[in-house]
Amino acid sequence: MSHRLLTTYRQTVRPLLIESFSYQNIHQVPKIEKIVVKCATGDAAQNAKGLEAAMNDMALVTGQRPVKTRGKASVSTFRHREGQPTGMAVTLRGHVMYSFLERIINLGIPRTGDFQGVNPNSFDGNGNLRIALTGTGMGMIEQGVFPEIVYDDAVGKARQLDVCITTTAETDTEGHRLLALMGMPFREGSGSRP
């Protein structure tokens, strides 16, 4: 069974990209390769129950169980030691990736407070989009924008998500066009993108 967003890509988006960029081979057409979702938890080392609750929340949101990320170096200012858990990450591919992308485009991003669109300057130069968590990018994406998340008084707390969409596009223009045709709501008139 094919996912709705994947079907849209194959039937509508891919032919439009071939026409726009004059690709000679169908394998040159950019596509979404993977989505990496990260969440940092500052109190992960001291609060094991909170980290486990955050991992369960992220599993509900993404549809896949995340892995714990650990610190690579000690930072005494933050009371963090090498090897201590710092957060979690999950890499989505295939149907789970398209399902999450559709949910974040249609549900997560529009429910973000003061949303004016994704900043088209959030591309990395290679066609990959990182939805920033600072107020400069597009505002905060929190797990709470998804309806599955219910916060408990004891362990649940609003956590910010860092979403990186990796594409096979070679330029930011190609990546921007791909994601715009798939429905990503970009901010109007705020960048050098087409």
Protein backbone atom coordinates (compact mmCIF):
# COMPACT_ATOMS: atom_id res chain seq x y z
CA MET A 1 0.00 0.00 0.00
CA SER A 2 1.44 3.33 -1.05
CA HIS A 3 1.25 6.41 1.14
CA ARG A 4 -0.79 9.42 -0.04
CA LEU A 5 2.15 11.85 -0.02
CA LEU A 6 4.34 9.34 -1.89
CA THR A 7 1.61 8.91 -4.51
CA THR A 8 1.39 12.71 -4.85
CA TYR A 9 5.15 12.86 -5.33
CA ARG A 10 5.15 10.21 -8.05
CA GLN A 11 2.12 11.47 -9.96
CA THR A 12 2.33 15.27 -9.57
CA VAL A 13 5.55 16.55 -8.03
CA ARG A 14 8.08 14.50 -10.01
CA PRO A 15 6.69 15.50 -13.46
CA LEU A 16 6.61 19.17 -12.41
CA LEU A 17 10.25 18.98 -11.23
CA ILE A 18 11.32 17.32 -14.49
CA GLU A 19 9.61 20.12 -16.41
CA SER A 20 11.01 22.91 -14.18
CA PHE A 21 14.65 21.81 -14.11
CA SER A 22 14.86 19.92 -17.45
CA TYR A 23 16.22 16.70 -16.01
CA GLN A 24 17.36 14.14 -18.61
CA ASN A 25 17.06 11.11 -16.34
CA ILE A 26 14.33 10.27 -13.83
CA HIS A 27 17.02 9.43 -11.25
CA GLN A 28 18.19 13.07 -11.27
CA VAL A 29 14.86 14.22 -9.84
CA PRO A 30 15.24 15.15 -6.16
CA LYS A 31 13.35 13.17 -3.55
CA ILE A 32 13.19 13.04 0.21
CA GLU A 33 15.78 10.62 1.55
CA LYS A 34 15.21 10.70 5.31
CA ILE A 35 13.92 12.80 8.19
CA VAL A 36 15.88 13.07 11.44
CA VAL A 37 13.96 14.23 14.52
CA LYS A 38 15.97 15.20 17.59
CA CYS A 39 15.00 16.32 21.05
CA ALA A 40 17.41 17.59 23.70
CA THR A 41 16.58 17.09 27.36
CA GLY A 42 18.71 19.12 29.73
CA ASP A 43 17.82 17.07 32.79
CA ALA A 44 18.19 13.63 31.19
CA ALA A 45 21.05 12.55 33.46
CA GLN A 46 19.21 13.44 36.67
CA ASN A 47 15.66 12.55 35.62
CA ALA A 48 15.50 9.06 34.11
CA LYS A 49 11.69 8.96 34.29
CA GLY A 50 11.45 12.24 32.40
CA LEU A 51 13.75 10.94 29.66
CA GLU A 52 11.71 7.75 29.36
CA ALA A 53 8.47 9.77 29.19
CA ALA A 54 9.98 12.01 26.48
CA MET A 55 11.08 8.92 24.53
CA ASN A 56 7.55 7.50 24.74
CA ASP A 57 6.12 10.84 23.56
CA MET A 58 8.51 10.97 20.61
CA ALA A 59 7.64 7.38 19.71
CA LEU A 60 3.96 8.37 19.66
CA VAL A 61 4.63 11.42 17.48
CA THR A 62 7.02 9.81 14.97
CA GLY A 63 5.76 6.23 14.93
CA GLN A 64 9.23 4.84 15.67
CA ARG A 65 11.16 4.36 18.92
CA PRO A 66 14.02 6.88 19.35
CA VAL A 67 17.53 6.11 20.60
CA LYS A 68 19.23 7.93 23.46
CA THR A 69 22.01 10.32 22.52
CA ARG A 70 24.96 10.69 24.86
CA GLY A 71 27.38 13.53 25.50
CA LYS A 72 30.71 13.37 23.68
CA ALA A 73 32.57 15.69 26.04
CA SER A 74 32.30 16.89 29.62
CA VAL A 75 31.06 20.45 30.15
CA SER A 76 31.46 21.50 33.77
CA THR A 77 29.42 24.70 33.38
CA PHE A 78 26.31 22.65 32.62
CA ARG A 79 27.23 19.82 35.03
CA HIS A 80 27.35 17.40 32.15
CA ARG A 81 29.75 14.48 31.94
CA GLU A 82 30.93 12.52 28.95
CA GLY A 83 28.67 9.53 28.26
CA GLN A 84 25.63 10.90 30.12
CA PRO A 85 22.33 10.92 28.20
CA THR A 86 21.57 14.31 26.64
CA GLY A 87 18.45 13.60 24.58
CA MET A 88 17.12 11.37 21.85
CA ALA A 89 17.00 11.07 18.08
CA VAL A 90 15.08 9.06 15.51
CA THR A 91 15.75 8.60 11.78
CA LEU A 92 12.66 8.03 9.65
CA ARG A 93 12.67 6.45 6.21
CA GLY A 94 10.09 4.95 3.87
CA HIS A 95 6.38 5.00 4.70
CA VAL A 96 6.95 6.13 8.30
CA MET A 97 8.87 9.13 6.94
CA TYR A 98 6.07 10.13 4.54
CA SER A 99 3.48 9.67 7.29
CA PHE A 100 5.42 11.93 9.67
CA LEU A 101 6.07 14.51 6.93
CA GLU A 102 2.38 14.71 6.11
CA ARG A 103 1.52 15.09 9.79
CA ILE A 104 4.10 17.81 10.36
CA ILE A 105 3.04 19.74 7.22
CA ASN A 106 -0.71 19.51 7.84
CA LEU A 107 -0.88 19.34 11.63
CA GLY A 108 2.32 20.23 13.48
CA ILE A 109 3.64 23.34 11.76
CA PRO A 110 0.30 25.17 11.33
CA ARG A 111 -0.55 24.63 15.02
CA THR A 112 2.65 26.36 16.09
CA GLY A 113 1.97 29.71 17.76
CA ASP A 114 2.60 32.86 15.68
CA PHE A 115 3.25 30.76 12.61
CA GLN A 116 4.05 32.77 9.48
CA GLY A 117 5.64 30.00 7.41
CA VAL A 118 8.90 28.10 7.30
CA ASN A 119 11.86 30.36 6.65
CA PRO A 120 13.16 29.55 3.14
CA ASN A 121 16.68 30.45 4.29
CA SER A 122 16.74 27.39 6.58
CA PHE A 123 18.35 25.29 3.84
CA ASP A 124 21.96 24.14 4.33
CA GLY A 125 23.30 24.75 0.81
CA ASN A 126 22.77 21.16 -0.33
CA GLY A 127 18.97 21.12 -0.54
CA ASN A 128 18.35 19.89 3.03
CA LEU A 129 15.92 21.74 5.28
CA ARG A 130 16.37 22.15 9.02
CA ILE A 131 13.37 23.51 10.83
CA ALA A 132 15.00 25.69 13.47
CA LEU A 133 13.91 25.71 17.08
CA THR A 134 14.98 29.23 17.81
CA GLY A 135 12.56 32.07 17.27
CA THR A 136 14.54 33.16 14.20
CA GLY A 137 13.62 30.14 12.08
CA MET A 138 9.89 29.70 12.37
CA GLY A 139 9.05 29.57 16.04
CA MET A 140 9.08 26.59 18.29
CA ILE A 141 7.86 23.15 17.29
CA GLU A 142 6.95 21.34 20.46
CA GLN A 143 5.63 17.86 20.96
CA GLY A 144 2.43 19.44 22.30
CA VAL A 145 1.24 20.46 18.82
CA PHE A 146 0.49 16.80 18.13
CA PRO A 147 -2.85 15.57 19.56
CA GLU A 148 -1.39 12.30 20.90
CA ILE A 149 0.63 14.08 23.56
CA VAL A 150 -0.94 14.51 27.00
CA TYR A 151 1.31 15.97 29.68
CA ASP A 152 1.33 14.45 33.16
CA ASP A 153 2.08 16.67 36.13
CA ALA A 154 4.95 14.49 37.31
CA VAL A 155 7.07 13.70 34.25
CA GLY A 156 5.55 15.31 31.17
CA LYS A 157 6.89 18.65 30.03
CA ALA A 158 6.92 20.55 26.75
CA ARG A 159 9.96 19.53 24.70
CA GLN A 160 11.19 21.12 21.50
CA LEU A 161 11.74 19.07 18.36
CA ASP A 162 14.51 19.62 15.83
CA VAL A 163 13.44 18.33 12.40
CA CYS A 164 15.96 17.89 9.57
CA ILE A 165 14.60 16.87 6.17
CA THR A 166 17.35 15.38 3.99
CA THR A 167 16.77 15.39 0.23
CA THR A 168 18.76 14.21 -2.78
CA ALA A 169 18.61 17.72 -4.26
CA GLU A 170 21.93 19.25 -5.20
CA THR A 171 20.93 22.89 -4.64
CA ASP A 172 18.70 24.77 -2.25
CA THR A 173 16.49 25.89 -5.13
CA GLU A 174 15.73 22.28 -6.07
CA GLY A 175 15.10 21.32 -2.44
CA HIS A 176 12.85 24.34 -1.89
CA ARG A 177 10.82 23.57 -5.02
CA LEU A 178 10.48 19.89 -4.02
CA LEU A 179 9.21 20.66 -0.52
CA ALA A 180 6.98 23.53 -1.70
CA LEU A 181 5.28 21.23 -4.23
CA MET A 182 4.78 18.63 -1.48
CA GLY A 183 2.94 21.22 0.60
CA MET A 184 5.55 22.70 2.95
CA PRO A 185 4.23 26.16 3.94
CA PHE A 186 7.14 28.53 3.27
CA ARG A 187 7.15 32.16 4.36
CA GLU A 188 6.32 34.56 1.55
CA GLY A 189 8.87 37.13 0.33
CA SER A 190 11.53 36.60 2.99
CA GLY A 191 14.36 35.07 1.05
CA SER A 192 16.16 34.62 -2.20
CA ARG A 193 14.32 31.40 -3.05
CA PRO A 194 11.98 31.25 -6.08
